[in-house]
Amino acid sequence: MTNQEISDRLAVEIMGWEKRRAHFHQSNPFYWFDGDERQMVANAWHPPTNIAQAWQALEKVVKGTDLYFEVCRYENGAGVTFIGHGNEGFEIDEYAETAPLAICEALLKFVERTNK
């Protein structure tokens, strides 16, 4: 999966945004919208390479839950672990070259797990 595909999936599946053409702005015709509220130019959302945006998506998932997460740096890349509590206990470990990419890949695995 490309970084752009990861970005688009996180925008839709985690952030709940919709990509729409913005007729009012011709140089950047596509924006991410949350309902009727414009969030940002579509190509400006790139959490696999932007740690602040990766963290924003991560916070959206864990806010108000009992999920525990950890971001660790290893010699071969960054590792991300989510651990659920109670009867729904699980663990997702994801490794990538950078922390933002590892966070994004772990978030996608989390989404796949919760959509089963």
PDB file of N, CA and C in Angstrom:
ATOM      1  N   MET A   1       0.842  -1.177   0.000  1.00  0.00           N
ATOM      2  CA  MET A   1       0.000   0.000   0.000  1.00  0.00           C
ATOM      3  C   MET A   1       0.890   1.244   0.000  1.00  0.00           C
ATOM      4  N   THR A   2       0.561   2.213  -0.828  1.00  0.00           N
ATOM      5  CA  THR A   2       1.358   3.433  -0.897  1.00  0.00           C
ATOM      6  C   THR A   2       1.026   4.365   0.270  1.00  0.00           C
ATOM      7  N   ASN A   3       1.909   5.326   0.504  1.00  0.00           N
ATOM      8  CA  ASN A   3       1.651   6.317   1.549  1.00  0.00           C
ATOM      9  C   ASN A   3       0.368   7.100   1.273  1.00  0.00           C
ATOM     10  N   GLN A   4       0.087   7.369  -0.010  1.00  0.00           N
ATOM     11  CA  GLN A   4      -1.135   8.100  -0.342  1.00  0.00           C
ATOM     12  C   GLN A   4      -2.373   7.269  -0.029  1.00  0.00           C
ATOM     13  N   GLU A   5      -2.310   5.977  -0.326  1.00  0.00           N
ATOM     14  CA  GLU A   5      -3.438   5.095  -0.008  1.00  0.00           C
ATOM     15  C   GLU A   5      -3.649   5.008   1.502  1.00  0.00           C
ATOM     16  N   ILE A   6      -2.558   4.943   2.255  1.00  0.00           N
ATOM     17  CA  ILE A   6      -2.654   4.937   3.724  1.00  0.00           C
ATOM     18  C   ILE A   6      -3.288   6.233   4.201  1.00  0.00           C
ATOM     19  N   SER A   7      -2.824   7.358   3.676  1.00  0.00           N
ATOM     20  CA  SER A   7      -3.367   8.661   4.072  1.00  0.00           C
ATOM     21  C   SER A   7      -4.861   8.740   3.806  1.00  0.00           C
ATOM     22  N   ASP A   8      -5.277   8.305   2.621  1.00  0.00           N
ATOM     23  CA  ASP A   8      -6.691   8.369   2.256  1.00  0.00           C
ATOM     24  C   ASP A   8      -7.538   7.468   3.149  1.00  0.00           C
ATOM     25  N   ARG A   9      -7.056   6.263   3.407  1.00  0.00           N
ATOM     26  CA  ARG A   9      -7.813   5.351   4.277  1.00  0.00           C
ATOM     27  C   ARG A   9      -7.948   5.903   5.687  1.00  0.00           C
ATOM     28  N   LEU A  10      -6.877   6.485   6.226  1.00  0.00           N
ATOM     29  CA  LEU A  10      -6.960   7.050   7.577  1.00  0.00           C
ATOM     30  C   LEU A  10      -7.918   8.230   7.616  1.00  0.00           C
ATOM     31  N   ALA A  11      -7.902   9.054   6.571  1.00  0.00           N
ATOM     32  CA  ALA A  11      -8.816  10.194   6.522  1.00  0.00           C
ATOM     33  C   ALA A  11     -10.265   9.732   6.586  1.00  0.00           C
ATOM     34  N   VAL A  12     -10.571   8.686   5.847  1.00  0.00           N
ATOM     35  CA  VAL A  12     -11.944   8.195   5.774  1.00  0.00           C
ATOM     36  C   VAL A  12     -12.298   7.320   6.978  1.00  0.00           C
ATOM     37  N   GLU A  13     -11.463   6.316   7.267  1.00  0.00           N
ATOM     38  CA  GLU A  13     -11.814   5.303   8.254  1.00  0.00           C
ATOM     39  C   GLU A  13     -11.546   5.706   9.702  1.00  0.00           C
ATOM     40  N   ILE A  14     -10.607   6.593   9.932  1.00  0.00           N
ATOM     41  CA  ILE A  14     -10.313   7.035  11.306  1.00  0.00           C
ATOM     42  C   ILE A  14     -10.905   8.425  11.562  1.00  0.00           C
ATOM     43  N   MET A  15     -10.582   9.366  10.682  1.00  0.00           N
ATOM     44  CA  MET A  15     -11.001  10.744  10.907  1.00  0.00           C
ATOM     45  C   MET A  15     -12.472  10.978  10.543  1.00  0.00           C
ATOM     46  N   GLY A  16     -13.010  10.105   9.683  1.00  0.00           N
ATOM     47  CA  GLY A  16     -14.405  10.254   9.281  1.00  0.00           C
ATOM     48  C   GLY A  16     -14.630  11.344   8.249  1.00  0.00           C
ATOM     49  N   TRP A  17     -13.583  11.654   7.500  1.00  0.00           N
ATOM     50  CA  TRP A  17     -13.669  12.724   6.513  1.00  0.00           C
ATOM     51  C   TRP A  17     -14.123  12.195   5.162  1.00  0.00           C
ATOM     52  N   GLU A  18     -14.535  13.131   4.310  1.00  0.00           N
ATOM     53  CA  GLU A  18     -14.928  12.820   2.944  1.00  0.00           C
ATOM     54  C   GLU A  18     -14.164  13.744   2.006  1.00  0.00           C
ATOM     55  N   LYS A  19     -13.609  13.176   0.942  1.00  0.00           N
ATOM     56  CA  LYS A  19     -12.879  13.981  -0.040  1.00  0.00           C
ATOM     57  C   LYS A  19     -13.881  14.524  -1.056  1.00  0.00           C
ATOM     58  N   ARG A  20     -13.872  15.856  -1.207  1.00  0.00           N
ATOM     59  CA  ARG A  20     -14.796  16.487  -2.148  1.00  0.00           C
ATOM     60  C   ARG A  20     -14.081  17.554  -2.945  1.00  0.00           C
ATOM     61  N   ARG A  21     -14.622  17.772  -4.115  1.00  0.00           N
ATOM     62  CA  ARG A  21     -14.131  18.853  -4.963  1.00  0.00           C
ATOM     63  C   ARG A  21     -14.621  20.176  -4.370  1.00  0.00           C
ATOM     64  N   ALA A  22     -13.706  21.103  -4.244  1.00  0.00           N
ATOM     65  CA  ALA A  22     -14.051  22.438  -3.755  1.00  0.00           C
ATOM     66  C   ALA A  22     -14.032  23.386  -4.948  1.00  0.00           C
ATOM     67  N   HIS A  23     -15.193  23.728  -5.420  1.00  0.00           N
ATOM     68  CA  HIS A  23     -15.300  24.545  -6.631  1.00  0.00           C
ATOM     69  C   HIS A  23     -14.793  25.963  -6.428  1.00  0.00           C
ATOM     70  N   PHE A  24     -14.666  26.378  -5.174  1.00  0.00           N
ATOM     71  CA  PHE A  24     -14.239  27.742  -4.881  1.00  0.00           C
ATOM     72  C   PHE A  24     -12.732  27.930  -4.990  1.00  0.00           C
ATOM     73  N   HIS A  25     -11.989  26.858  -5.135  1.00  0.00           N
ATOM     74  CA  HIS A  25     -10.533  26.980  -5.139  1.00  0.00           C
ATOM     75  C   HIS A  25      -9.982  26.111  -6.265  1.00  0.00           C
ATOM     76  N   GLN A  26      -9.553  26.716  -7.334  1.00  0.00           N
ATOM     77  CA  GLN A  26      -9.136  25.958  -8.510  1.00  0.00           C
ATOM     78  C   GLN A  26      -7.731  25.371  -8.427  1.00  0.00           C
ATOM     79  N   SER A  27      -6.802  25.998  -7.692  1.00  0.00           N
ATOM     80  CA  SER A  27      -5.441  25.459  -7.643  1.00  0.00           C
ATOM     81  C   SER A  27      -5.354  24.190  -6.789  1.00  0.00           C
ATOM     82  N   ASN A  28      -6.193  24.045  -5.798  1.00  0.00           N
ATOM     83  CA  ASN A  28      -6.283  22.839  -4.977  1.00  0.00           C
ATOM     84  C   ASN A  28      -7.744  22.397  -4.961  1.00  0.00           C
ATOM     85  N   PRO A  29      -8.175  21.667  -5.985  1.00  0.00           N
ATOM     86  CA  PRO A  29      -9.604  21.400  -6.117  1.00  0.00           C
ATOM     87  C   PRO A  29     -10.191  20.416  -5.108  1.00  0.00           C
ATOM     88  N   PHE A  30      -9.368  19.587  -4.440  1.00  0.00           N
ATOM     89  CA  PHE A  30      -9.915  18.603  -3.517  1.00  0.00           C
ATOM     90  C   PHE A  30      -9.535  18.921  -2.081  1.00  0.00           C
ATOM     91  N   TYR A  31     -10.514  18.798  -1.198  1.00  0.00           N
ATOM     92  CA  TYR A  31     -10.352  19.040   0.230  1.00  0.00           C
ATOM     93  C   TYR A  31     -10.954  17.875   1.002  1.00  0.00           C
ATOM     94  N   TRP A  32     -10.476  17.703   2.227  1.00  0.00           N
ATOM     95  CA  TRP A  32     -11.107  16.781   3.155  1.00  0.00           C
ATOM     96  C   TRP A  32     -12.141  17.572   3.941  1.00  0.00           C
ATOM     97  N   PHE A  33     -13.353  17.028   4.033  1.00  0.00           N
ATOM     98  CA  PHE A  33     -14.446  17.656   4.759  1.00  0.00           C
ATOM     99  C   PHE A  33     -14.927  16.746   5.869  1.00  0.00           C
ATOM    100  N   ASP A  34     -15.287  17.348   6.986  1.00  0.00           N
ATOM    101  CA  ASP A  34     -15.968  16.663   8.076  1.00  0.00           C
ATOM    102  C   ASP A  34     -17.363  17.271   8.114  1.00  0.00           C
ATOM    103  N   GLY A  35     -18.321  16.567   7.532  1.00  0.00           N
ATOM    104  CA  GLY A  35     -19.644  17.165   7.339  1.00  0.00           C
ATOM    105  C   GLY A  35     -19.506  18.310   6.345  1.00  0.00           C
ATOM    106  N   ASP A  36     -19.953  19.487   6.738  1.00  0.00           N
ATOM    107  CA  ASP A  36     -19.825  20.654   5.867  1.00  0.00           C
ATOM    108  C   ASP A  36     -18.589  21.484   6.194  1.00  0.00           C
ATOM    109  N   GLU A  37     -17.826  21.061   7.177  1.00  0.00           N
ATOM    110  CA  GLU A  37     -16.650  21.828   7.602  1.00  0.00           C
ATOM    111  C   GLU A  37     -15.403  21.348   6.859  1.00  0.00           C
ATOM    112  N   ARG A  38     -14.778  22.264   6.165  1.00  0.00           N
ATOM    113  CA  ARG A  38     -13.552  21.946   5.423  1.00  0.00           C
ATOM    114  C   ARG A  38     -12.408  21.774   6.409  1.00  0.00           C
ATOM    115  N   GLN A  39     -11.673  20.664   6.291  1.00  0.00           N
ATOM    116  CA  GLN A  39     -10.564  20.370   7.191  1.00  0.00           C
ATOM    117  C   GLN A  39      -9.225  20.840   6.629  1.00  0.00           C
ATOM    118  N   MET A  40      -8.941  20.452   5.382  1.00  0.00           N
ATOM    119  CA  MET A  40      -7.662  20.835   4.789  1.00  0.00           C
ATOM    120  C   MET A  40      -7.637  20.414   3.327  1.00  0.00           C
ATOM    121  N   VAL A  41      -6.661  20.968   2.602  1.00  0.00           N
ATOM    122  CA  VAL A  41      -6.423  20.543   1.228  1.00  0.00           C
ATOM    123  C   VAL A  41      -6.091  19.054   1.272  1.00  0.00           C
ATOM    124  N   ALA A  42      -6.668  18.287   0.364  1.00  0.00           N
ATOM    125  CA  ALA A  42      -6.517  16.831   0.413  1.00  0.00           C
ATOM    126  C   ALA A  42      -5.055  16.400   0.399  1.00  0.00           C
ATOM    127  N   ASN A  43      -4.233  17.025  -0.442  1.00  0.00           N
ATOM    128  CA  ASN A  43      -2.834  16.577  -0.520  1.00  0.00           C
ATOM    129  C   ASN A  43      -1.976  17.074   0.644  1.00  0.00           C
ATOM    130  N   ALA A  44      -2.548  17.840   1.564  1.00  0.00           N
ATOM    131  CA  ALA A  44      -1.805  18.277   2.755  1.00  0.00           C
ATOM    132  C   ALA A  44      -1.920  17.253   3.892  1.00  0.00           C
ATOM    133  N   TRP A  45      -2.850  16.310   3.784  1.00  0.00           N
ATOM    134  CA  TRP A  45      -3.016  15.256   4.792  1.00  0.00           C
ATOM    135  C   TRP A  45      -2.115  14.096   4.405  1.00  0.00           C
ATOM    136  N   HIS A  46      -1.031  13.911   5.160  1.00  0.00           N
ATOM    137  CA  HIS A  46      -0.075  12.867   4.831  1.00  0.00           C
ATOM    138  C   HIS A  46       0.552  12.306   6.108  1.00  0.00           C
ATOM    139  N   PRO A  47      -0.253  11.639   6.950  1.00  0.00           N
ATOM    140  CA  PRO A  47       0.264  11.143   8.236  1.00  0.00           C
ATOM    141  C   PRO A  47       1.401  10.134   8.163  1.00  0.00           C
ATOM    142  N   PRO A  48       1.589   9.359   7.072  1.00  0.00           N
ATOM    143  CA  PRO A  48       2.746   8.448   7.065  1.00  0.00           C
ATOM    144  C   PRO A  48       4.096   9.163   7.098  1.00  0.00           C
ATOM    145  N   THR A  49       4.108  10.455   6.765  1.00  0.00           N
ATOM    146  CA  THR A  49       5.364  11.211   6.804  1.00  0.00           C
ATOM    147  C   THR A  49       5.287  12.421   7.733  1.00  0.00           C
ATOM    148  N   ASN A  50       4.145  12.638   8.366  1.00  0.00           N
ATOM    149  CA  ASN A  50       3.943  13.797   9.230  1.00  0.00           C
ATOM    150  C   ASN A  50       3.555  13.293  10.618  1.00  0.00           C
ATOM    151  N   ILE A  51       4.472  13.380  11.571  1.00  0.00           N
ATOM    152  CA  ILE A  51       4.233  12.819  12.898  1.00  0.00           C
ATOM    153  C   ILE A  51       3.054  13.498  13.600  1.00  0.00           C
ATOM    154  N   ALA A  52       2.861  14.792  13.405  1.00  0.00           N
ATOM    155  CA  ALA A  52       1.735  15.477  14.045  1.00  0.00           C
ATOM    156  C   ALA A  52       0.401  14.925  13.532  1.00  0.00           C
ATOM    157  N   GLN A  53       0.320  14.661  12.242  1.00  0.00           N
ATOM    158  CA  GLN A  53      -0.920  14.121  11.677  1.00  0.00           C
ATOM    159  C   GLN A  53      -1.117  12.656  12.088  1.00  0.00           C
ATOM    160  N   ALA A  54      -0.047  11.885  12.135  1.00  0.00           N
ATOM    161  CA  ALA A  54      -0.157  10.499  12.608  1.00  0.00           C
ATOM    162  C   ALA A  54      -0.656  10.488  14.050  1.00  0.00           C
ATOM    163  N   TRP A  55      -0.117  11.381  14.853  1.00  0.00           N
ATOM    164  CA  TRP A  55      -0.516  11.472  16.256  1.00  0.00           C
ATOM    165  C   TRP A  55      -1.980  11.917  16.366  1.00  0.00           C
ATOM    166  N   GLN A  56      -2.416  12.810  15.489  1.00  0.00           N
ATOM    167  CA  GLN A  56      -3.804  13.264  15.466  1.00  0.00           C
ATOM    168  C   GLN A  56      -4.755  12.082  15.223  1.00  0.00           C
ATOM    169  N   ALA A  57      -4.419  11.229  14.271  1.00  0.00           N
ATOM    170  CA  ALA A  57      -5.236  10.049  13.989  1.00  0.00           C
ATOM    171  C   ALA A  57      -5.203   9.072  15.171  1.00  0.00           C
ATOM    172  N   LEU A  58      -4.032   8.895  15.762  1.00  0.00           N
ATOM    173  CA  LEU A  58      -3.891   8.013  16.917  1.00  0.00           C
ATOM    174  C   LEU A  58      -4.749   8.506  18.075  1.00  0.00           C
ATOM    175  N   GLU A  59      -4.709   9.794  18.351  1.00  0.00           N
ATOM    176  CA  GLU A  59      -5.504  10.353  19.443  1.00  0.00           C
ATOM    177  C   GLU A  59      -6.997  10.185  19.189  1.00  0.00           C
ATOM    178  N   LYS A  60      -7.404  10.282  17.932  1.00  0.00           N
ATOM    179  CA  LYS A  60      -8.819  10.085  17.593  1.00  0.00           C
ATOM    180  C   LYS A  60      -9.264   8.677  17.968  1.00  0.00           C
ATOM    181  N   VAL A  61      -8.384   7.682  17.785  1.00  0.00           N
ATOM    182  CA  VAL A  61      -8.714   6.293  18.094  1.00  0.00           C
ATOM    183  C   VAL A  61      -8.734   6.043  19.599  1.00  0.00           C
ATOM    184  N   VAL A  62      -7.758   6.531  20.332  1.00  0.00           N
ATOM    185  CA  VAL A  62      -7.624   6.149  21.743  1.00  0.00           C
ATOM    186  C   VAL A  62      -8.377   7.063  22.711  1.00  0.00           C
ATOM    187  N   LYS A  63      -8.785   8.239  22.270  1.00  0.00           N
ATOM    188  CA  LYS A  63      -9.464   9.181  23.173  1.00  0.00           C
ATOM    189  C   LYS A  63     -10.761   8.570  23.704  1.00  0.00           C
ATOM    190  N   GLY A  64     -10.894   8.584  25.008  1.00  0.00           N
ATOM    191  CA  GLY A  64     -12.094   8.087  25.648  1.00  0.00           C
ATOM    192  C   GLY A  64     -12.196   6.568  25.709  1.00  0.00           C
ATOM    193  N   THR A  65     -11.084   5.873  25.455  1.00  0.00           N
ATOM    194  CA  THR A  65     -11.088   4.411  25.517  1.00  0.00           C
ATOM    195  C   THR A  65     -10.109   3.957  26.590  1.00  0.00           C
ATOM    196  N   ASP A  66     -10.052   2.658  26.772  1.00  0.00           N
ATOM    197  CA  ASP A  66      -9.061   2.099  27.698  1.00  0.00           C
ATOM    198  C   ASP A  66      -7.887   1.506  26.939  1.00  0.00           C
ATOM    199  N   LEU A  67      -7.710   1.928  25.681  1.00  0.00           N
ATOM    200  CA  LEU A  67      -6.588   1.420  24.897  1.00  0.00           C
ATOM    201  C   LEU A  67      -5.266   2.004  25.388  1.00  0.00           C
ATOM    202  N   TYR A  68      -4.287   1.163  25.435  1.00  0.00           N
ATOM    203  CA  TYR A  68      -2.935   1.554  25.786  1.00  0.00           C
ATOM    204  C   TYR A  68      -2.116   1.514  24.510  1.00  0.00           C
ATOM    205  N   PHE A  69      -1.268   2.479  24.312  1.00  0.00           N
ATOM    206  CA  PHE A  69      -0.400   2.439  23.142  1.00  0.00           C
ATOM    207  C   PHE A  69       0.991   2.871  23.532  1.00  0.00           C
ATOM    208  N   GLU A  70       1.911   2.469  22.701  1.00  0.00           N
ATOM    209  CA  GLU A  70       3.317   2.748  22.971  1.00  0.00           C
ATOM    210  C   GLU A  70       4.032   2.902  21.633  1.00  0.00           C
ATOM    211  N   VAL A  71       4.890   3.884  21.535  1.00  0.00           N
ATOM    212  CA  VAL A  71       5.705   4.071  20.341  1.00  0.00           C
ATOM    213  C   VAL A  71       7.156   3.932  20.783  1.00  0.00           C
ATOM    214  N   CYS A  72       7.839   2.950  20.224  1.00  0.00           N
ATOM    215  CA  CYS A  72       9.233   2.687  20.588  1.00  0.00           C
ATOM    216  C   CYS A  72      10.103   2.761  19.345  1.00  0.00           C
ATOM    217  N   ARG A  73      11.319   3.173  19.545  1.00  0.00           N
ATOM    218  CA  ARG A  73      12.284   3.219  18.440  1.00  0.00           C
ATOM    219  C   ARG A  73      13.265   2.077  18.619  1.00  0.00           C
ATOM    220  N   TYR A  74      13.363   1.238  17.596  1.00  0.00           N
ATOM    221  CA  TYR A  74      14.303   0.133  17.601  1.00  0.00           C
ATOM    222  C   TYR A  74      15.371   0.389  16.553  1.00  0.00           C
ATOM    223  N   GLU A  75      16.428  -0.397  16.586  1.00  0.00           N
ATOM    224  CA  GLU A  75      17.510  -0.228  15.612  1.00  0.00           C
ATOM    225  C   GLU A  75      17.021  -0.368  14.177  1.00  0.00           C
ATOM    226  N   ASN A  76      16.066  -1.262  13.952  1.00  0.00           N
ATOM    227  CA  ASN A  76      15.590  -1.513  12.592  1.00  0.00           C
ATOM    228  C   ASN A  76      14.366  -0.676  12.216  1.00  0.00           C
ATOM    229  N   GLY A  77      13.931   0.243  13.061  1.00  0.00           N
ATOM    230  CA  GLY A  77      12.764   1.083  12.752  1.00  0.00           C
ATOM    231  C   GLY A  77      11.979   1.392  13.994  1.00  0.00           C
ATOM    232  N   ALA A  78      10.777   1.842  13.802  1.00  0.00           N
ATOM    233  CA  ALA A  78       9.914   2.215  14.919  1.00  0.00           C
ATOM    234  C   ALA A  78       8.887   1.126  15.130  1.00  0.00           C
ATOM    235  N   GLY A  79       8.605   0.807  16.349  1.00  0.00           N
ATOM    236  CA  GLY A  79       7.577  -0.174  16.656  1.00  0.00           C
ATOM    237  C   GLY A  79       6.422   0.497  17.360  1.00  0.00           C
ATOM    238  N   VAL A  80       5.214   0.092  17.050  1.00  0.00           N
ATOM    239  CA  VAL A  80       4.025   0.643  17.683  1.00  0.00           C
ATOM    240  C   VAL A  80       3.211  -0.506  18.229  1.00  0.00           C
ATOM    241  N   THR A  81       2.755  -0.389  19.459  1.00  0.00           N
ATOM    242  CA  THR A  81       1.972  -1.446  20.070  1.00  0.00           C
ATOM    243  C   THR A  81       0.688  -0.870  20.633  1.00  0.00           C
ATOM    244  N   PHE A  82      -0.436  -1.492  20.331  1.00  0.00           N
ATOM    245  CA  PHE A  82      -1.723  -1.189  20.963  1.00  0.00           C
ATOM    246  C   PHE A  82      -2.091  -2.396  21.800  1.00  0.00           C
ATOM    247  N   ILE A  83      -2.542  -2.179  22.987  1.00  0.00           N
ATOM    248  CA  ILE A  83      -2.987  -3.274  23.823  1.00  0.00           C
ATOM    249  C   ILE A  83      -4.362  -2.917  24.369  1.00  0.00           C
ATOM    250  N   GLY A  84      -5.369  -3.745  24.090  1.00  0.00           N
ATOM    251  CA  GLY A  84      -6.705  -3.529  24.640  1.00  0.00           C
ATOM    252  C   GLY A  84      -6.805  -4.134  26.026  1.00  0.00           C
ATOM    253  N   HIS A  85      -7.785  -3.735  26.787  1.00  0.00           N
ATOM    254  CA  HIS A  85      -7.959  -4.229  28.151  1.00  0.00           C
ATOM    255  C   HIS A  85      -9.271  -5.000  28.266  1.00  0.00           C
ATOM    256  N   GLY A  86      -9.401  -5.793  29.302  1.00  0.00           N
ATOM    257  CA  GLY A  86     -10.637  -6.519  29.570  1.00  0.00           C
ATOM    258  C   GLY A  86     -10.831  -7.696  28.632  1.00  0.00           C
ATOM    259  N   ASN A  87     -12.089  -8.013  28.352  1.00  0.00           N
ATOM    260  CA  ASN A  87     -12.430  -9.177  27.534  1.00  0.00           C
ATOM    261  C   ASN A  87     -11.976  -9.034  26.092  1.00  0.00           C
ATOM    262  N   GLU A  88     -11.724  -7.838  25.645  1.00  0.00           N
ATOM    263  CA  GLU A  88     -11.323  -7.589  24.265  1.00  0.00           C
ATOM    264  C   GLU A  88      -9.805  -7.459  24.125  1.00  0.00           C
ATOM    265  N   GLY A  89      -9.055  -8.067  25.014  1.00  0.00           N
ATOM    266  CA  GLY A  89      -7.596  -7.937  24.994  1.00  0.00           C
ATOM    267  C   GLY A  89      -6.984  -8.354  23.666  1.00  0.00           C
ATOM    268  N   PHE A  90      -6.090  -7.545  23.169  1.00  0.00           N
ATOM    269  CA  PHE A  90      -5.382  -7.823  21.924  1.00  0.00           C
ATOM    270  C   PHE A  90      -4.115  -7.006  21.898  1.00  0.00           C
ATOM    271  N   GLU A  91      -3.262  -7.343  20.956  1.00  0.00           N
ATOM    272  CA  GLU A  91      -2.028  -6.590  20.789  1.00  0.00           C
ATOM    273  C   GLU A  91      -1.726  -6.482  19.302  1.00  0.00           C
ATOM    274  N   ILE A  92      -1.379  -5.302  18.875  1.00  0.00           N
ATOM    275  CA  ILE A  92      -0.978  -5.065  17.488  1.00  0.00           C
ATOM    276  C   ILE A  92       0.429  -4.490  17.531  1.00  0.00           C
ATOM    277  N   ASP A  93       1.364  -5.174  16.903  1.00  0.00           N
ATOM    278  CA  ASP A  93       2.733  -4.682  16.797  1.00  0.00           C
ATOM    279  C   ASP A  93       2.996  -4.379  15.334  1.00  0.00           C
ATOM    280  N   GLU A  94       3.517  -3.215  15.077  1.00  0.00           N
ATOM    281  CA  GLU A  94       3.822  -2.826  13.695  1.00  0.00           C
ATOM    282  C   GLU A  94       5.194  -2.172  13.676  1.00  0.00           C
ATOM    283  N   TYR A  95       6.002  -2.531  12.691  1.00  0.00           N
ATOM    284  CA  TYR A  95       7.345  -1.987  12.561  1.00  0.00           C
ATOM    285  C   TYR A  95       7.484  -1.324  11.202  1.00  0.00           C
ATOM    286  N   ALA A  96       8.127  -0.164  11.172  1.00  0.00           N
ATOM    287  CA  ALA A  96       8.356   0.555   9.919  1.00  0.00           C
ATOM    288  C   ALA A  96       9.624   1.385  10.072  1.00  0.00           C
ATOM    289  N   GLU A  97      10.052   1.998   8.974  1.00  0.00           N
ATOM    290  CA  GLU A  97      11.285   2.796   8.985  1.00  0.00           C
ATOM    291  C   GLU A  97      11.161   4.049   9.833  1.00  0.00           C
ATOM    292  N   THR A  98       9.938   4.589   9.951  1.00  0.00           N
ATOM    293  CA  THR A  98       9.725   5.811  10.732  1.00  0.00           C
ATOM    294  C   THR A  98       8.553   5.619  11.682  1.00  0.00           C
ATOM    295  N   ALA A  99       8.522   6.415  12.739  1.00  0.00           N
ATOM    296  CA  ALA A  99       7.427   6.336  13.699  1.00  0.00           C
ATOM    297  C   ALA A  99       6.080   6.699  13.066  1.00  0.00           C
ATOM    298  N   PRO A 100       5.985   7.764  12.246  1.00  0.00           N
ATOM    299  CA  PRO A 100       4.674   8.078  11.665  1.00  0.00           C
ATOM    300  C   PRO A 100       4.121   6.934  10.810  1.00  0.00           C
ATOM    301  N   LEU A 101       4.976   6.300  10.027  1.00  0.00           N
ATOM    302  CA  LEU A 101       4.518   5.196   9.183  1.00  0.00           C
ATOM    303  C   LEU A 101       4.102   4.004  10.037  1.00  0.00           C
ATOM    304  N   ALA A 102       4.848   3.703  11.074  1.00  0.00           N
ATOM    305  CA  ALA A 102       4.492   2.592  11.961  1.00  0.00           C
ATOM    306  C   ALA A 102       3.157   2.856  12.649  1.00  0.00           C
ATOM    307  N   ILE A 103       2.937   4.084  13.102  1.00  0.00           N
ATOM    308  CA  ILE A 103       1.663   4.448  13.735  1.00  0.00           C
ATOM    309  C   ILE A 103       0.520   4.240  12.742  1.00  0.00           C
ATOM    310  N   CYS A 104       0.698   4.730  11.528  1.00  0.00           N
ATOM    311  CA  CYS A 104      -0.358   4.615  10.512  1.00  0.00           C
ATOM    312  C   CYS A 104      -0.669   3.165  10.178  1.00  0.00           C
ATOM    313  N   GLU A 105       0.353   2.345  10.019  1.00  0.00           N
ATOM    314  CA  GLU A 105       0.128   0.939   9.694  1.00  0.00           C
ATOM    315  C   GLU A 105      -0.561   0.213  10.853  1.00  0.00           C
ATOM    316  N   ALA A 106      -0.191   0.559  12.082  1.00  0.00           N
ATOM    317  CA  ALA A 106      -0.854  -0.043  13.236  1.00  0.00           C
ATOM    318  C   ALA A 106      -2.311   0.405  13.313  1.00  0.00           C
ATOM    319  N   LEU A 107      -2.577   1.657  13.001  1.00  0.00           N
ATOM    320  CA  LEU A 107      -3.959   2.151  13.001  1.00  0.00           C
ATOM    321  C   LEU A 107      -4.807   1.418  11.967  1.00  0.00           C
ATOM    322  N   LEU A 108      -4.250   1.154  10.806  1.00  0.00           N
ATOM    323  CA  LEU A 108      -5.002   0.418   9.788  1.00  0.00           C
ATOM    324  C   LEU A 108      -5.301  -1.008  10.249  1.00  0.00           C
ATOM    325  N   LYS A 109      -4.346  -1.653  10.915  1.00  0.00           N
ATOM    326  CA  LYS A 109      -4.592  -2.988  11.452  1.00  0.00           C
ATOM    327  C   LYS A 109      -5.677  -2.940  12.527  1.00  0.00           C
ATOM    328  N   PHE A 110      -5.657  -1.882  13.333  1.00  0.00           N
ATOM    329  CA  PHE A 110      -6.680  -1.716  14.361  1.00  0.00           C
ATOM    330  C   PHE A 110      -8.062  -1.574  13.717  1.00  0.00           C
ATOM    331  N   VAL A 111      -8.161  -0.772  12.666  1.00  0.00           N
ATOM    332  CA  VAL A 111      -9.429  -0.577  11.974  1.00  0.00           C
ATOM    333  C   VAL A 111      -9.917  -1.905  11.391  1.00  0.00           C
ATOM    334  N   GLU A 112      -9.026  -2.644  10.771  1.00  0.00           N
ATOM    335  CA  GLU A 112      -9.398  -3.945  10.200  1.00  0.00           C
ATOM    336  C   GLU A 112      -9.896  -4.892  11.292  1.00  0.00           C
ATOM    337  N   ARG A 113      -9.249  -4.849  12.432  1.00  0.00           N
ATOM    338  CA  ARG A 113      -9.641  -5.725  13.545  1.00  0.00           C
ATOM    339  C   ARG A 113     -11.018  -5.346  14.070  1.00  0.00           C
ATOM    340  N   THR A 114     -11.298  -4.061  14.215  1.00  0.00           N
ATOM    341  CA  THR A 114     -12.571  -3.618  14.786  1.00  0.00           C
ATOM    342  C   THR A 114     -13.718  -3.736  13.793  1.00  0.00           C
ATOM    343  N   ASN A 115     -13.425  -3.812  12.498  1.00  0.00           N
ATOM    344  CA  ASN A 115     -14.476  -3.934  11.484  1.00  0.00           C
ATOM    345  C   ASN A 115     -14.857  -5.375  11.194  1.00  0.00           C
ATOM    346  N   LYS A 116     -14.255  -6.325  11.883  1.00  0.00           N
ATOM    347  CA  LYS A 116     -14.575  -7.755  11.661  1.00  0.00           C
ATOM    348  C   LYS A 116     -15.906  -8.103  12.249  1.00  0.00           C
TER     349      LYS A 116
END
